[in-house]
């Protein structure tokens, strides 16, 4: 019998990435909508866990909430936990303008997946580092994927496509840790 968890997200890309990764561990992921608490914090872990607690109080089923950010070295970690807001307001062009003339284009994508179930709260993290491309490239993916080049690759996440991205991304690493942990526990 497969385990089932809810993933509270409105982002189809996140949902598909989670499904692909967790399928390897016999975990079925259903999308759920819940009122999401917009936590302001420098900590992705705190943001994800607080949002998961609020969602669990509404849905009363085992669930996960994911939060991620792009941390750019030359910008002292900006946009970090404010990546969604930065994407919606200044977008990729704005981030590239902020990096004009920057010698250090290093960056890391980080993710936190908070899992909440009866008597259980856990947070799993993942990170992938690389650099920011000088212009957007590729049409697959979402968010900042067209400008993030992971270490060991010359292509952006948006050029690599979901097959590669879902093996190496920050989000995949966090969901893989959740899957490994769930596979060692008794069925839900």
Protein backbone atom coordinates (compact mmCIF):
# COMPACT_ATOMS: atom_id res chain seq x y z
CA UNK A 1 0.00 0.00 0.00
CA UNK A 2 1.43 3.36 -1.03
CA UNK A 3 1.75 6.17 1.43
CA UNK A 4 -0.16 9.31 0.62
CA UNK A 5 0.68 12.81 1.62
CA UNK A 6 -0.67 16.18 0.66
CA UNK A 7 1.57 18.85 -0.79
CA UNK A 8 0.16 22.26 -0.08
CA UNK A 9 1.10 24.34 -3.11
CA UNK A 10 -0.38 26.22 -5.99
CA UNK A 11 2.78 25.69 -8.04
CA UNK A 12 2.36 22.90 -10.60
CA UNK A 13 6.13 22.67 -11.15
CA UNK A 14 6.77 22.00 -7.47
CA UNK A 15 3.99 19.41 -7.42
CA UNK A 16 5.38 17.50 -10.41
CA UNK A 17 8.92 17.59 -9.02
CA UNK A 18 7.73 16.26 -5.65
CA UNK A 19 5.67 13.52 -7.31
CA UNK A 20 8.57 12.33 -9.44
CA UNK A 21 11.02 12.21 -6.52
CA UNK A 22 8.68 10.69 -3.93
CA UNK A 23 7.37 8.04 -6.34
CA UNK A 24 10.78 6.34 -5.91
CA UNK A 25 9.88 5.83 -2.24
CA UNK A 26 6.33 4.59 -2.78
CA UNK A 27 4.80 7.90 -1.72
CA UNK A 28 1.84 9.30 -3.63
CA UNK A 29 1.51 13.07 -3.57
CA UNK A 30 -1.83 14.84 -3.83
CA UNK A 31 -2.08 18.56 -4.30
CA UNK A 32 -3.96 20.45 -1.62
CA UNK A 33 -4.99 24.03 -1.20
CA UNK A 34 -5.08 25.63 2.21
CA UNK A 35 -4.92 29.11 3.55
CA UNK A 36 -1.21 29.74 3.64
CA UNK A 37 0.33 31.82 6.35
CA UNK A 38 2.82 34.25 4.80
CA UNK A 39 5.63 34.04 7.33
CA UNK A 40 8.30 36.73 7.19
CA UNK A 41 11.57 35.19 8.27
CA UNK A 42 15.17 34.81 7.15
CA UNK A 43 14.80 31.05 7.71
CA UNK A 44 13.28 28.85 5.00
CA UNK A 45 12.88 26.12 7.63
CA UNK A 46 10.81 28.37 9.89
CA UNK A 47 8.68 29.60 6.98
CA UNK A 48 7.91 26.07 5.77
CA UNK A 49 7.22 24.66 9.25
CA UNK A 50 4.92 27.46 10.35
CA UNK A 51 2.97 27.24 7.07
CA UNK A 52 2.73 23.44 7.41
CA UNK A 53 1.36 23.74 10.95
CA UNK A 54 -1.36 26.13 9.75
CA UNK A 55 -2.23 23.85 6.82
CA UNK A 56 -2.33 20.77 9.07
CA UNK A 57 -4.72 22.53 11.46
CA UNK A 58 -7.09 22.98 8.49
CA UNK A 59 -6.67 19.67 6.65
CA UNK A 60 -5.82 17.19 9.45
CA UNK A 61 -3.92 14.88 7.08
CA UNK A 62 -0.20 14.18 6.70
CA UNK A 63 1.18 16.96 4.55
CA UNK A 64 4.22 18.82 3.36
CA UNK A 65 4.87 22.46 2.61
CA UNK A 66 7.95 23.51 0.66
CA UNK A 67 9.69 26.86 0.64
CA UNK A 68 12.74 27.71 -1.43
CA UNK A 69 14.98 30.60 -2.24
CA UNK A 70 17.81 31.70 -4.48
CA UNK A 71 20.73 33.02 -2.44
CA UNK A 72 23.10 35.13 -4.58
CA UNK A 73 26.60 35.73 -3.20
CA UNK A 74 27.14 39.21 -4.71
CA UNK A 75 23.81 40.35 -3.26
CA UNK A 76 24.56 39.09 0.27
CA UNK A 77 22.09 36.24 -0.10
CA UNK A 78 19.30 38.28 -1.69
CA UNK A 79 16.62 37.40 -2.68
CA UNK A 80 16.83 34.34 -0.37
CA UNK A 81 13.52 33.75 1.42
CA UNK A 82 12.02 36.64 -0.56
CA UNK A 83 12.63 34.96 -3.93
CA UNK A 84 8.95 34.62 -4.83
CA UNK A 85 8.36 38.31 -4.13
CA UNK A 86 11.51 39.31 -6.03
CA UNK A 87 10.45 37.18 -8.98
CA UNK A 88 6.98 38.75 -9.05
CA UNK A 89 8.26 42.32 -8.68
CA UNK A 90 11.63 42.71 -10.42
CA UNK A 91 11.75 39.33 -12.14
CA UNK A 92 14.74 37.88 -13.92
CA UNK A 93 15.59 41.18 -15.67
CA UNK A 94 15.77 42.96 -12.31
CA UNK A 95 18.04 40.34 -10.78
CA UNK A 96 20.34 40.48 -13.80
CA UNK A 97 20.48 44.30 -13.52
CA UNK A 98 21.46 44.01 -9.86
CA UNK A 99 24.34 41.75 -10.90
CA UNK A 100 25.70 44.04 -13.63
CA UNK A 101 29.42 44.43 -13.04
CA UNK A 102 29.50 41.78 -10.29
CA UNK A 103 32.58 39.56 -10.49
CA UNK A 104 31.07 36.91 -8.19
CA UNK A 105 28.02 35.34 -9.84
CA UNK A 106 27.91 32.42 -7.40
CA UNK A 107 24.55 31.43 -5.98
CA UNK A 108 22.79 28.60 -4.19
CA UNK A 109 19.22 27.43 -4.43
CA UNK A 110 18.02 26.19 -1.04
CA UNK A 111 14.79 24.39 -0.13
CA UNK A 112 13.05 23.39 3.08
CA UNK A 113 10.27 20.79 3.11
CA UNK A 114 8.25 20.71 6.33
CA UNK A 115 6.28 17.52 7.00
CA UNK A 116 3.50 17.53 9.59
CA UNK A 117 1.39 14.53 10.62
CA UNK A 118 -0.16 13.41 13.91
CA UNK A 119 2.53 13.85 16.60
CA UNK A 120 5.23 14.46 13.97
CA UNK A 121 6.93 17.59 12.71
CA UNK A 122 10.11 17.34 10.62
CA UNK A 123 11.95 19.65 8.25
CA UNK A 124 14.17 18.38 5.43
CA UNK A 125 16.55 20.62 3.52
CA UNK A 126 18.32 20.56 0.19
CA UNK A 127 20.80 22.80 -1.55
CA UNK A 128 22.44 23.07 -4.95
CA UNK A 129 25.06 25.68 -5.74
CA UNK A 130 26.15 27.12 -9.03
CA UNK A 131 26.16 30.49 -10.75
CA UNK A 132 23.89 33.05 -12.34
CA UNK A 133 23.96 33.16 -16.15
CA UNK A 134 24.40 36.52 -17.89
CA UNK A 135 21.07 36.14 -19.72
CA UNK A 136 18.02 33.86 -19.43
CA UNK A 137 18.36 30.57 -21.32
CA UNK A 138 15.93 27.72 -21.81
CA UNK A 139 12.17 27.38 -21.71
CA UNK A 140 11.61 24.51 -19.28
CA UNK A 141 11.13 24.99 -15.57
CA UNK A 142 9.84 27.98 -13.65
CA UNK A 143 10.94 30.91 -11.52
CA UNK A 144 14.65 31.62 -11.73
CA UNK A 145 15.42 28.35 -13.59
CA UNK A 146 16.41 30.22 -16.80
CA UNK A 147 19.33 31.97 -15.07
CA UNK A 148 20.63 29.33 -12.63
CA UNK A 149 23.51 27.13 -13.82
CA UNK A 150 24.21 24.29 -11.34
CA UNK A 151 27.83 23.35 -10.58
CA UNK A 152 29.18 20.82 -13.03
CA UNK A 153 26.89 21.95 -15.85
CA UNK A 154 27.05 24.65 -18.51
CA UNK A 155 23.27 24.73 -19.00
CA UNK A 156 20.64 26.44 -16.87
CA UNK A 157 17.95 24.47 -15.05
CA UNK A 158 15.53 25.66 -17.77
CA UNK A 159 17.80 24.16 -20.46
CA UNK A 160 18.47 20.92 -18.59
CA UNK A 161 14.78 20.10 -18.29
CA UNK A 162 12.89 18.24 -15.58
CA UNK A 163 14.65 14.90 -16.04
CA UNK A 164 18.02 16.29 -14.96
CA UNK A 165 16.71 19.02 -12.68
CA UNK A 166 14.61 16.57 -10.67
CA UNK A 167 17.74 14.54 -9.94
CA UNK A 168 19.98 17.40 -8.79
CA UNK A 169 17.85 20.32 -7.61
CA UNK A 170 17.60 21.70 -4.10
CA UNK A 171 13.92 20.75 -3.98
CA UNK A 172 14.58 17.20 -5.20
CA UNK A 173 17.26 16.79 -2.52
CA UNK A 174 14.89 17.95 0.22
CA UNK A 175 12.04 15.73 -1.02
CA UNK A 176 14.46 12.80 -1.35
CA UNK A 177 15.39 13.22 2.33
CA UNK A 178 11.67 13.22 3.20
CA UNK A 179 11.15 10.08 1.09
CA UNK A 180 14.07 8.28 2.74
CA UNK A 181 12.76 9.19 6.18
CA UNK A 182 9.19 8.12 5.35
CA UNK A 183 10.42 4.79 3.94
CA UNK A 184 11.94 3.94 7.35
CA UNK A 185 8.70 4.63 9.24
CA UNK A 186 5.58 2.54 9.73
CA UNK A 187 2.89 3.21 7.11
CA UNK A 188 0.68 6.19 7.78
